[in-house]
Protein backbone atom coordinates (compact mmCIF):
# COMPACT_ATOMS: atom_id res chain seq x y z
CA UNK A 1 -77.13 21.39 59.28
CA UNK A 2 -76.67 24.42 57.02
CA UNK A 3 -75.63 23.90 53.46
CA UNK A 4 -74.17 26.57 51.20
CA UNK A 5 -76.18 27.30 48.11
CA UNK A 6 -75.33 29.12 44.90
CA UNK A 7 -77.94 31.73 45.65
CA UNK A 8 -76.29 32.61 48.97
CA UNK A 9 -73.01 33.40 47.21
CA UNK A 10 -74.55 35.30 44.30
CA UNK A 11 -76.48 37.82 46.38
CA UNK A 12 -75.05 41.30 46.17
CA UNK A 13 -75.62 43.39 49.21
CA UNK A 14 -75.10 47.14 49.43
CA UNK A 15 -74.17 48.77 52.68
CA UNK A 16 -74.77 52.29 53.74
CA UNK A 17 -71.44 54.20 54.07
CA UNK A 18 -70.40 55.04 57.61
CA UNK A 19 -69.68 58.67 56.69
CA UNK A 20 -70.58 60.86 53.78
CA UNK A 21 -67.84 62.61 51.82
CA UNK A 22 -67.88 66.35 52.40
CA UNK A 23 -66.17 68.63 49.94
CA UNK A 24 -65.09 71.92 51.43
CA UNK A 25 -64.55 74.95 49.27
CA UNK A 26 -61.24 76.77 49.80
CA UNK A 27 -61.45 79.96 51.83
CA UNK A 28 -59.53 81.98 49.22
CA UNK A 29 -59.30 81.39 45.49
CA UNK A 30 -56.09 79.71 44.35
CA UNK A 31 -53.38 82.06 43.17
CA UNK A 32 -52.51 81.62 39.50
CA UNK A 33 -49.04 80.17 39.10
CA UNK A 34 -46.45 81.89 36.95
CA UNK A 35 -46.52 80.54 33.44
CA UNK A 36 -43.69 78.08 32.88
CA UNK A 37 -41.86 78.35 29.57
CA UNK A 38 -43.34 76.09 26.94
CA UNK A 39 -41.43 72.94 26.14
CA UNK A 40 -41.33 71.65 22.58
CA UNK A 41 -43.52 68.75 23.72
CA UNK A 42 -46.19 71.27 24.81
CA UNK A 43 -46.48 72.69 21.30
CA UNK A 44 -48.22 71.33 18.26
CA UNK A 45 -45.92 69.84 15.65
CA UNK A 46 -46.70 72.58 13.15
CA UNK A 47 -45.67 75.28 15.63
CA UNK A 48 -42.14 73.97 16.33
CA UNK A 49 -39.55 75.75 14.25
CA UNK A 50 -36.47 73.76 13.36
CA UNK A 51 -34.99 70.68 15.00
CA UNK A 52 -35.18 70.27 18.76
CA UNK A 53 -31.91 69.16 20.35
CA UNK A 54 -32.18 66.58 23.13
CA UNK A 55 -29.30 66.65 25.58
CA UNK A 56 -27.46 63.44 26.41
CA UNK A 57 -28.50 61.50 29.52
CA UNK A 58 -25.13 62.11 31.14
CA UNK A 59 -25.11 65.92 30.81
CA UNK A 60 -26.27 66.71 34.38
CA UNK A 61 -23.80 64.24 35.89
CA UNK A 62 -20.91 65.73 33.92
CA UNK A 63 -21.89 69.30 34.80
CA UNK A 64 -21.94 68.38 38.50
CA UNK A 65 -18.51 66.69 38.29
CA UNK A 66 -16.98 69.65 36.49
CA UNK A 67 -18.36 72.14 39.03
CA UNK A 68 -17.05 69.99 41.90
CA UNK A 69 -13.58 69.99 40.30
CA UNK A 70 -13.17 73.76 40.64
CA UNK A 71 -11.58 74.86 43.93
CA UNK A 72 -13.86 76.80 46.26
CA UNK A 73 -11.01 78.88 47.63
CA UNK A 74 -8.51 80.48 45.21
CA UNK A 75 -5.63 79.44 47.49
CA UNK A 76 -6.32 75.79 46.62
CA UNK A 77 -6.07 76.45 42.87
CA UNK A 78 -2.29 75.96 42.94
CA UNK A 79 -2.76 72.40 44.17
CA UNK A 80 -2.60 69.68 41.55
CA UNK A 81 -5.82 68.13 40.26
CA UNK A 82 -8.09 71.19 40.41
CA UNK A 83 -9.73 72.55 37.28
CA UNK A 84 -9.40 76.20 36.28
CA UNK A 85 -12.78 77.96 36.64
CA UNK A 86 -12.59 79.40 33.10
CA UNK A 87 -11.96 75.98 31.60
CA UNK A 88 -14.81 74.56 33.67
CA UNK A 89 -17.13 77.23 32.26
CA UNK A 90 -15.98 76.51 28.70
CA UNK A 91 -16.41 72.76 29.25
CA UNK A 92 -19.98 73.13 30.49
CA UNK A 93 -20.72 75.43 27.52
CA UNK A 94 -19.20 72.89 25.12
CA UNK A 95 -21.13 69.92 26.51
CA UNK A 96 -24.41 71.87 26.55
CA UNK A 97 -23.93 72.88 22.92
CA UNK A 98 -22.99 69.49 21.46
CA UNK A 99 -23.92 66.69 23.87
CA UNK A 100 -26.57 65.37 21.50
CA UNK A 101 -23.99 64.62 18.77
CA UNK A 102 -21.40 63.08 21.10
CA UNK A 103 -21.39 59.34 21.86
CA UNK A 104 -24.16 58.17 24.19
CA UNK A 105 -21.72 56.71 26.71
CA UNK A 106 -20.74 58.90 29.65
CA UNK A 107 -17.25 60.37 29.14
CA UNK A 108 -14.26 59.71 31.35
CA UNK A 109 -12.98 63.10 32.60
CA UNK A 110 -9.56 64.09 33.88
CA UNK A 111 -7.28 67.12 33.91
CA UNK A 112 -4.15 67.40 31.82
CA UNK A 113 -0.85 68.61 33.29
CA UNK A 114 -1.39 72.09 31.86
CA UNK A 115 -4.89 72.35 33.45
CA UNK A 116 -6.98 71.52 30.39
CA UNK A 117 -9.96 69.18 30.77
CA UNK A 118 -9.83 65.91 28.85
CA UNK A 119 -13.01 63.98 28.04
CA UNK A 120 -12.79 60.50 26.53
CA UNK A 121 -15.81 58.80 24.97
CA UNK A 122 -15.91 55.11 24.08
CA UNK A 123 -17.32 54.12 20.70
CA UNK A 124 -17.73 50.87 18.78
CA UNK A 125 -14.77 51.53 16.49
CA UNK A 126 -12.57 53.73 18.62
CA UNK A 127 -12.38 56.44 21.21
CA UNK A 128 -13.23 60.13 20.87
CA UNK A 129 -10.96 62.41 22.88
CA UNK A 130 -11.82 66.07 23.43
CA UNK A 131 -9.34 68.43 25.08
CA UNK A 132 -11.01 71.57 26.38
CA UNK A 133 -8.70 74.53 26.94
CA UNK A 134 -9.12 78.27 27.38
CA UNK A 135 -9.03 79.06 23.66
CA UNK A 136 -10.50 76.01 21.93
CA UNK A 137 -11.71 72.44 22.04
CA UNK A 138 -9.59 69.93 20.13
CA UNK A 139 -11.40 66.69 19.39
CA UNK A 140 -9.94 63.69 17.63
CA UNK A 141 -10.60 60.03 16.97
CA UNK A 142 -8.41 57.30 15.48
CA UNK A 143 -10.40 54.84 13.37
CA UNK A 144 -8.56 52.09 11.48
CA UNK A 145 -5.29 54.02 11.70
CA UNK A 146 -6.83 57.23 10.33
CA UNK A 147 -6.86 60.35 12.53
CA UNK A 148 -9.94 62.56 12.29
CA UNK A 149 -9.85 65.83 14.18
CA UNK A 150 -11.75 69.04 14.70
CA UNK A 151 -10.75 72.29 16.40
CA UNK A 152 -13.57 74.43 17.77
CA UNK A 153 -12.63 77.93 18.90
CA UNK A 154 -14.36 79.84 21.69
CA UNK A 155 -16.88 81.39 21.61
CA UNK A 156 -18.52 78.34 20.07
CA UNK A 157 -20.59 78.58 16.93
CA UNK A 158 -23.12 75.91 17.90
CA UNK A 159 -24.14 75.01 14.34
CA UNK A 160 -20.55 74.76 13.11
CA UNK A 161 -19.44 72.82 16.21
CA UNK A 162 -22.26 70.30 15.83
CA UNK A 163 -21.54 69.84 12.12
CA UNK A 164 -17.81 69.26 12.64
CA UNK A 165 -18.29 66.87 15.56
CA UNK A 166 -20.94 64.87 13.68
CA UNK A 167 -18.39 64.21 10.91
CA UNK A 168 -16.07 62.71 13.50
CA UNK A 169 -18.59 60.86 15.67
CA UNK A 170 -20.35 59.14 12.78
CA UNK A 171 -17.08 57.24 12.21
CA UNK A 172 -17.26 55.77 15.72
């Protein structure tokens, strides 16, 4: 009868590999890739000038929805529910410029009767409504019965737009 011993289980045995690894050199040297633009995270902290804006998580989803709301064929533009291509362009510009100061929740989008785009954001203390037209963006919020509003004319001054919207959104 064979009995298992501690020594039999503690032996370490090395096997010879079945095949050796062979590293082949590429026939032609690799082509250098085009340099990608540096991101702020690629730079040292001392080299970054000014604040770095981080777009909201929902920005790509909203851009896609806006672009899908513009009719492909001009003949369809008279139908109800389509977004004017100029307003769509202004809306994308607006969201790209200020998405980091808007509420973190994804906005509810719809078109007004006159073709403007309406974006509603939910906040803890109220709702921010932004109406994007061909000439301006009108944003307002009602907090505790008080109406706070901002009008941002196109072309947008990014610094001014961010400052005015921050005054409204900090109340939410």
